[in-house]
Amino acid sequence: MAVAFYIPDQATLLRKAQEQEQQLLRLRHWQMATMVLNTIRQMMDSTASQCLQRAGRKCGKWRKPSQ
């Protein structure tokens, strides 16, 4: 009884490896973008809460310190 094995050629193996690498890179870029966006949101939320605590002052404006 003869048994046949499929052995893919090198071009097919390289193509599959490149596709997997591209998928991983897309996932990493997506995760990095999500992390940056979440960091910016947290920063904006903390800035907004600080502005609410300083009633009467213009938020986001630099003020010369009083001497």
PDB file of N, CA and C in Angstrom:
ATOM      1  N   MET A   1       0.847  -1.169   0.000  1.00  0.00           N
ATOM      2  CA  MET A   1       0.000   0.000   0.000  1.00  0.00           C
ATOM      3  C   MET A   1       0.899   1.242   0.000  1.00  0.00           C
ATOM      4  N   ALA A   2       0.681   2.091  -0.941  1.00  0.00           N
ATOM      5  CA  ALA A   2       1.497   3.295  -1.071  1.00  0.00           C
ATOM      6  C   ALA A   2       0.826   4.452  -0.334  1.00  0.00           C
ATOM      7  N   VAL A   3       1.637   5.240   0.327  1.00  0.00           N
ATOM      8  CA  VAL A   3       1.132   6.412   1.053  1.00  0.00           C
ATOM      9  C   VAL A   3       1.776   7.637   0.430  1.00  0.00           C
ATOM     10  N   ALA A   4       0.937   8.606   0.087  1.00  0.00           N
ATOM     11  CA  ALA A   4       1.448   9.829  -0.534  1.00  0.00           C
ATOM     12  C   ALA A   4       1.408  10.967   0.490  1.00  0.00           C
ATOM     13  N   PHE A   5       2.473  11.707   0.554  1.00  0.00           N
ATOM     14  CA  PHE A   5       2.543  12.862   1.440  1.00  0.00           C
ATOM     15  C   PHE A   5       2.611  14.120   0.585  1.00  0.00           C
ATOM     16  N   TYR A   6       1.884  15.139   1.024  1.00  0.00           N
ATOM     17  CA  TYR A   6       1.946  16.421   0.330  1.00  0.00           C
ATOM     18  C   TYR A   6       3.052  17.253   0.966  1.00  0.00           C
ATOM     19  N   ILE A   7       4.018  17.621   0.183  1.00  0.00           N
ATOM     20  CA  ILE A   7       5.103  18.471   0.658  1.00  0.00           C
ATOM     21  C   ILE A   7       5.007  19.791  -0.105  1.00  0.00           C
ATOM     22  N   PRO A   8       4.618  20.871   0.586  1.00  0.00           N
ATOM     23  CA  PRO A   8       4.476  22.159  -0.110  1.00  0.00           C
ATOM     24  C   PRO A   8       5.834  22.694  -0.554  1.00  0.00           C
ATOM     25  N   ASP A   9       5.809  23.416  -1.639  1.00  0.00           N
ATOM     26  CA  ASP A   9       7.064  23.978  -2.132  1.00  0.00           C
ATOM     27  C   ASP A   9       7.458  25.200  -1.295  1.00  0.00           C
ATOM     28  N   GLN A  10       8.663  25.644  -1.489  1.00  0.00           N
ATOM     29  CA  GLN A  10       9.212  26.730  -0.675  1.00  0.00           C
ATOM     30  C   GLN A  10       8.448  28.036  -0.888  1.00  0.00           C
ATOM     31  N   ALA A  11       8.003  28.306  -2.101  1.00  0.00           N
ATOM     32  CA  ALA A  11       7.273  29.545  -2.378  1.00  0.00           C
ATOM     33  C   ALA A  11       5.965  29.591  -1.590  1.00  0.00           C
ATOM     34  N   THR A  12       5.268  28.458  -1.512  1.00  0.00           N
ATOM     35  CA  THR A  12       4.018  28.400  -0.755  1.00  0.00           C
ATOM     36  C   THR A  12       4.280  28.625   0.730  1.00  0.00           C
ATOM     37  N   LEU A  13       5.314  27.990   1.246  1.00  0.00           N
ATOM     38  CA  LEU A  13       5.655  28.168   2.658  1.00  0.00           C
ATOM     39  C   LEU A  13       6.023  29.616   2.972  1.00  0.00           C
ATOM     40  N   LEU A  14       6.799  30.242   2.094  1.00  0.00           N
ATOM     41  CA  LEU A  14       7.181  31.638   2.301  1.00  0.00           C
ATOM     42  C   LEU A  14       5.966  32.558   2.245  1.00  0.00           C
ATOM     43  N   ARG A  15       5.063  32.305   1.294  1.00  0.00           N
ATOM     44  CA  ARG A  15       3.862  33.131   1.170  1.00  0.00           C
ATOM     45  C   ARG A  15       3.000  33.033   2.430  1.00  0.00           C
ATOM     46  N   LYS A  16       2.819  31.819   2.939  1.00  0.00           N
ATOM     47  CA  LYS A  16       2.026  31.635   4.158  1.00  0.00           C
ATOM     48  C   LYS A  16       2.691  32.315   5.354  1.00  0.00           C
ATOM     49  N   ALA A  17       4.007  32.210   5.435  1.00  0.00           N
ATOM     50  CA  ALA A  17       4.727  32.851   6.542  1.00  0.00           C
ATOM     51  C   ALA A  17       4.596  34.369   6.470  1.00  0.00           C
ATOM     52  N   GLN A  18       4.668  34.920   5.261  1.00  0.00           N
ATOM     53  CA  GLN A  18       4.522  36.367   5.100  1.00  0.00           C
ATOM     54  C   GLN A  18       3.108  36.820   5.442  1.00  0.00           C
ATOM     55  N   GLU A  19       2.102  36.035   5.069  1.00  0.00           N
ATOM     56  CA  GLU A  19       0.720  36.373   5.413  1.00  0.00           C
ATOM     57  C   GLU A  19       0.521  36.370   6.925  1.00  0.00           C
ATOM     58  N   GLN A  20       1.084  35.382   7.601  1.00  0.00           N
ATOM     59  CA  GLN A  20       0.969  35.320   9.061  1.00  0.00           C
ATOM     60  C   GLN A  20       1.685  36.499   9.716  1.00  0.00           C
ATOM     61  N   GLU A  21       2.833  36.858   9.174  1.00  0.00           N
ATOM     62  CA  GLU A  21       3.573  37.996   9.716  1.00  0.00           C
ATOM     63  C   GLU A  21       2.780  39.285   9.541  1.00  0.00           C
ATOM     64  N   GLN A  22       2.149  39.459   8.372  1.00  0.00           N
ATOM     65  CA  GLN A  22       1.333  40.648   8.136  1.00  0.00           C
ATOM     66  C   GLN A  22       0.151  40.704   9.096  1.00  0.00           C
ATOM     67  N   GLN A  23      -0.472  39.562   9.365  1.00  0.00           N
ATOM     68  CA  GLN A  23      -1.580  39.527  10.316  1.00  0.00           C
ATOM     69  C   GLN A  23      -1.113  39.942  11.706  1.00  0.00           C
ATOM     70  N   LEU A  24       0.043  39.433  12.122  1.00  0.00           N
ATOM     71  CA  LEU A  24       0.578  39.805  13.432  1.00  0.00           C
ATOM     72  C   LEU A  24       0.903  41.293  13.506  1.00  0.00           C
ATOM     73  N   LEU A  25       1.474  41.837  12.438  1.00  0.00           N
ATOM     74  CA  LEU A  25       1.803  43.263  12.419  1.00  0.00           C
ATOM     75  C   LEU A  25       0.545  44.117  12.480  1.00  0.00           C
ATOM     76  N   ARG A  26      -0.500  43.713  11.745  1.00  0.00           N
ATOM     77  CA  ARG A  26      -1.765  44.456  11.804  1.00  0.00           C
ATOM     78  C   ARG A  26      -2.337  44.443  13.215  1.00  0.00           C
ATOM     79  N   LEU A  27      -2.285  43.286  13.857  1.00  0.00           N
ATOM     80  CA  LEU A  27      -2.791  43.163  15.220  1.00  0.00           C
ATOM     81  C   LEU A  27      -1.993  44.045  16.178  1.00  0.00           C
ATOM     82  N   ARG A  28      -0.675  44.031  16.041  1.00  0.00           N
ATOM     83  CA  ARG A  28       0.158  44.865  16.917  1.00  0.00           C
ATOM     84  C   ARG A  28      -0.114  46.346  16.702  1.00  0.00           C
ATOM     85  N   HIS A  29      -0.252  46.770  15.433  1.00  0.00           N
ATOM     86  CA  HIS A  29      -0.549  48.176  15.146  1.00  0.00           C
ATOM     87  C   HIS A  29      -1.901  48.565  15.730  1.00  0.00           C
ATOM     88  N   TRP A  30      -2.883  47.686  15.600  1.00  0.00           N
ATOM     89  CA  TRP A  30      -4.212  47.950  16.143  1.00  0.00           C
ATOM     90  C   TRP A  30      -4.142  48.088  17.664  1.00  0.00           C
ATOM     91  N   GLN A  31      -3.406  47.202  18.313  1.00  0.00           N
ATOM     92  CA  GLN A  31      -3.272  47.265  19.770  1.00  0.00           C
ATOM     93  C   GLN A  31      -2.549  48.540  20.199  1.00  0.00           C
ATOM     94  N   MET A  32      -1.524  48.930  19.464  1.00  0.00           N
ATOM     95  CA  MET A  32      -0.788  50.150  19.796  1.00  0.00           C
ATOM     96  C   MET A  32      -1.682  51.377  19.626  1.00  0.00           C
ATOM     97  N   ALA A  33      -2.442  51.424  18.536  1.00  0.00           N
ATOM     98  CA  ALA A  33      -3.345  52.552  18.310  1.00  0.00           C
ATOM     99  C   ALA A  33      -4.403  52.626  19.410  1.00  0.00           C
ATOM    100  N   THR A  34      -4.922  51.486  19.822  1.00  0.00           N
ATOM    101  CA  THR A  34      -5.922  51.456  20.889  1.00  0.00           C
ATOM    102  C   THR A  34      -5.318  51.951  22.197  1.00  0.00           C
ATOM    103  N   MET A  35      -4.091  51.526  22.490  1.00  0.00           N
ATOM    104  CA  MET A  35      -3.436  51.952  23.724  1.00  0.00           C
ATOM    105  C   MET A  35      -3.191  53.463  23.721  1.00  0.00           C
ATOM    106  N   VAL A  36      -2.737  54.007  22.595  1.00  0.00           N
ATOM    107  CA  VAL A  36      -2.492  55.445  22.499  1.00  0.00           C
ATOM    108  C   VAL A  36      -3.801  56.210  22.650  1.00  0.00           C
ATOM    109  N   LEU A  37      -4.854  55.743  21.998  1.00  0.00           N
ATOM    110  CA  LEU A  37      -6.150  56.410  22.093  1.00  0.00           C
ATOM    111  C   LEU A  37      -6.673  56.391  23.524  1.00  0.00           C
ATOM    112  N   ASN A  38      -6.563  55.259  24.204  1.00  0.00           N
ATOM    113  CA  ASN A  38      -7.012  55.173  25.597  1.00  0.00           C
ATOM    114  C   ASN A  38      -6.201  56.101  26.499  1.00  0.00           C
ATOM    115  N   THR A  39      -4.899  56.204  26.248  1.00  0.00           N
ATOM    116  CA  THR A  39      -4.058  57.107  27.037  1.00  0.00           C
ATOM    117  C   THR A  39      -4.478  58.553  26.830  1.00  0.00           C
ATOM    118  N   ILE A  40      -4.746  58.925  25.586  1.00  0.00           N
ATOM    119  CA  ILE A  40      -5.191  60.293  25.296  1.00  0.00           C
ATOM    120  C   ILE A  40      -6.534  60.560  25.959  1.00  0.00           C
ATOM    121  N   ARG A  41      -7.445  59.594  25.905  1.00  0.00           N
ATOM    122  CA  ARG A  41      -8.747  59.770  26.559  1.00  0.00           C
ATOM    123  C   ARG A  41      -8.594  59.971  28.056  1.00  0.00           C
ATOM    124  N   GLN A  42      -7.741  59.168  28.687  1.00  0.00           N
ATOM    125  CA  GLN A  42      -7.521  59.317  30.128  1.00  0.00           C
ATOM    126  C   GLN A  42      -6.926  60.680  30.449  1.00  0.00           C
ATOM    127  N   MET A  43      -5.994  61.127  29.615  1.00  0.00           N
ATOM    128  CA  MET A  43      -5.382  62.425  29.831  1.00  0.00           C
ATOM    129  C   MET A  43      -6.418  63.539  29.689  1.00  0.00           C
ATOM    130  N   MET A  44      -7.266  63.439  28.677  1.00  0.00           N
ATOM    131  CA  MET A  44      -8.304  64.446  28.472  1.00  0.00           C
ATOM    132  C   MET A  44      -9.314  64.429  29.615  1.00  0.00           C
ATOM    133  N   ASP A  45      -9.674  63.243  30.098  1.00  0.00           N
ATOM    134  CA  ASP A  45     -10.612  63.148  31.215  1.00  0.00           C
ATOM    135  C   ASP A  45     -10.023  63.765  32.478  1.00  0.00           C
ATOM    136  N   SER A  46      -8.748  63.508  32.741  1.00  0.00           N
ATOM    137  CA  SER A  46      -8.130  64.073  33.946  1.00  0.00           C
ATOM    138  C   SER A  46      -7.998  65.586  33.814  1.00  0.00           C
ATOM    139  N   THR A  47      -7.710  66.079  32.611  1.00  0.00           N
ATOM    140  CA  THR A  47      -7.621  67.521  32.391  1.00  0.00           C
ATOM    141  C   THR A  47      -8.979  68.169  32.593  1.00  0.00           C
ATOM    142  N   ALA A  48     -10.028  67.525  32.095  1.00  0.00           N
ATOM    143  CA  ALA A  48     -11.376  68.070  32.242  1.00  0.00           C
ATOM    144  C   ALA A  48     -11.782  68.108  33.707  1.00  0.00           C
ATOM    145  N   SER A  49     -11.446  67.080  34.469  1.00  0.00           N
ATOM    146  CA  SER A  49     -11.815  67.075  35.886  1.00  0.00           C
ATOM    147  C   SER A  49     -11.030  68.137  36.650  1.00  0.00           C
ATOM    148  N   GLN A  50      -9.784  68.381  36.268  1.00  0.00           N
ATOM    149  CA  GLN A  50      -9.012  69.443  36.916  1.00  0.00           C
ATOM    150  C   GLN A  50      -9.607  70.800  36.602  1.00  0.00           C
ATOM    151  N   CYS A  51     -10.112  70.967  35.386  1.00  0.00           N
ATOM    152  CA  CYS A  51     -10.718  72.239  35.000  1.00  0.00           C
ATOM    153  C   CYS A  51     -11.977  72.499  35.822  1.00  0.00           C
ATOM    154  N   LEU A  52     -12.745  71.461  36.072  1.00  0.00           N
ATOM    155  CA  LEU A  52     -13.960  71.628  36.852  1.00  0.00           C
ATOM    156  C   LEU A  52     -13.636  71.981  38.296  1.00  0.00           C
ATOM    157  N   GLN A  53     -12.522  71.498  38.808  1.00  0.00           N
ATOM    158  CA  GLN A  53     -12.134  71.789  40.186  1.00  0.00           C
ATOM    159  C   GLN A  53     -11.675  73.230  40.345  1.00  0.00           C
ATOM    160  N   ARG A  54     -11.168  73.829  39.290  1.00  0.00           N
ATOM    161  CA  ARG A  54     -10.676  75.208  39.345  1.00  0.00           C
ATOM    162  C   ARG A  54     -11.754  76.160  38.841  1.00  0.00           C
ATOM    163  N   ALA A  55     -12.827  76.238  39.514  1.00  0.00           N
ATOM    164  CA  ALA A  55     -13.924  77.107  39.077  1.00  0.00           C
ATOM    165  C   ALA A  55     -13.440  78.553  39.072  1.00  0.00           C
ATOM    166  N   GLY A  56     -13.813  79.282  38.041  1.00  0.00           N
ATOM    167  CA  GLY A  56     -13.447  80.685  37.950  1.00  0.00           C
ATOM    168  C   GLY A  56     -12.195  80.936  37.137  1.00  0.00           C
ATOM    169  N   ARG A  57     -11.364  79.952  36.942  1.00  0.00           N
ATOM    170  CA  ARG A  57     -10.153  80.128  36.130  1.00  0.00           C
ATOM    171  C   ARG A  57     -10.400  79.605  34.730  1.00  0.00           C
ATOM    172  N   LYS A  58      -9.744  80.209  33.793  1.00  0.00           N
ATOM    173  CA  LYS A  58      -9.850  79.706  32.428  1.00  0.00           C
ATOM    174  C   LYS A  58      -8.988  78.464  32.313  1.00  0.00           C
ATOM    175  N   CYS A  59      -9.598  77.402  31.879  1.00  0.00           N
ATOM    176  CA  CYS A  59      -8.889  76.132  31.813  1.00  0.00           C
ATOM    177  C   CYS A  59      -8.006  76.076  30.569  1.00  0.00           C
ATOM    178  N   GLY A  60      -6.852  75.489  30.725  1.00  0.00           N
ATOM    179  CA  GLY A  60      -5.959  75.314  29.591  1.00  0.00           C
ATOM    180  C   GLY A  60      -5.154  76.553  29.263  1.00  0.00           C
ATOM    181  N   LYS A  61      -5.322  77.621  30.003  1.00  0.00           N
ATOM    182  CA  LYS A  61      -4.575  78.850  29.744  1.00  0.00           C
ATOM    183  C   LYS A  61      -3.423  78.943  30.736  1.00  0.00           C
ATOM    184  N   TRP A  62      -2.288  79.380  30.257  1.00  0.00           N
ATOM    185  CA  TRP A  62      -1.142  79.545  31.138  1.00  0.00           C
ATOM    186  C   TRP A  62      -1.296  80.853  31.886  1.00  0.00           C
ATOM    187  N   ARG A  63      -1.028  80.816  33.169  1.00  0.00           N
ATOM    188  CA  ARG A  63      -1.116  82.015  33.993  1.00  0.00           C
ATOM    189  C   ARG A  63       0.226  82.291  34.633  1.00  0.00           C
ATOM    190  N   LYS A  64       0.604  83.545  34.649  1.00  0.00           N
ATOM    191  CA  LYS A  64       1.841  83.917  35.319  1.00  0.00           C
ATOM    192  C   LYS A  64       1.621  83.764  36.823  1.00  0.00           C
ATOM    193  N   PRO A  65       2.519  83.076  37.508  1.00  0.00           N
ATOM    194  CA  PRO A  65       2.321  82.903  38.948  1.00  0.00           C
ATOM    195  C   PRO A  65       2.409  84.237  39.688  1.00  0.00           C
ATOM    196  N   SER A  66       1.534  84.398  40.656  1.00  0.00           N
ATOM    197  CA  SER A  66       1.550  85.648  41.425  1.00  0.00           C
ATOM    198  C   SER A  66       2.730  85.640  42.389  1.00  0.00           C
ATOM    199  N   GLN A  67       3.302  86.818  42.602  1.00  0.00           N
ATOM    200  CA  GLN A  67       4.493  86.892  43.458  1.00  0.00           C
ATOM    201  C   GLN A  67       4.178  87.573  44.767  1.00  0.00           C
TER     202      GLN A  67
END
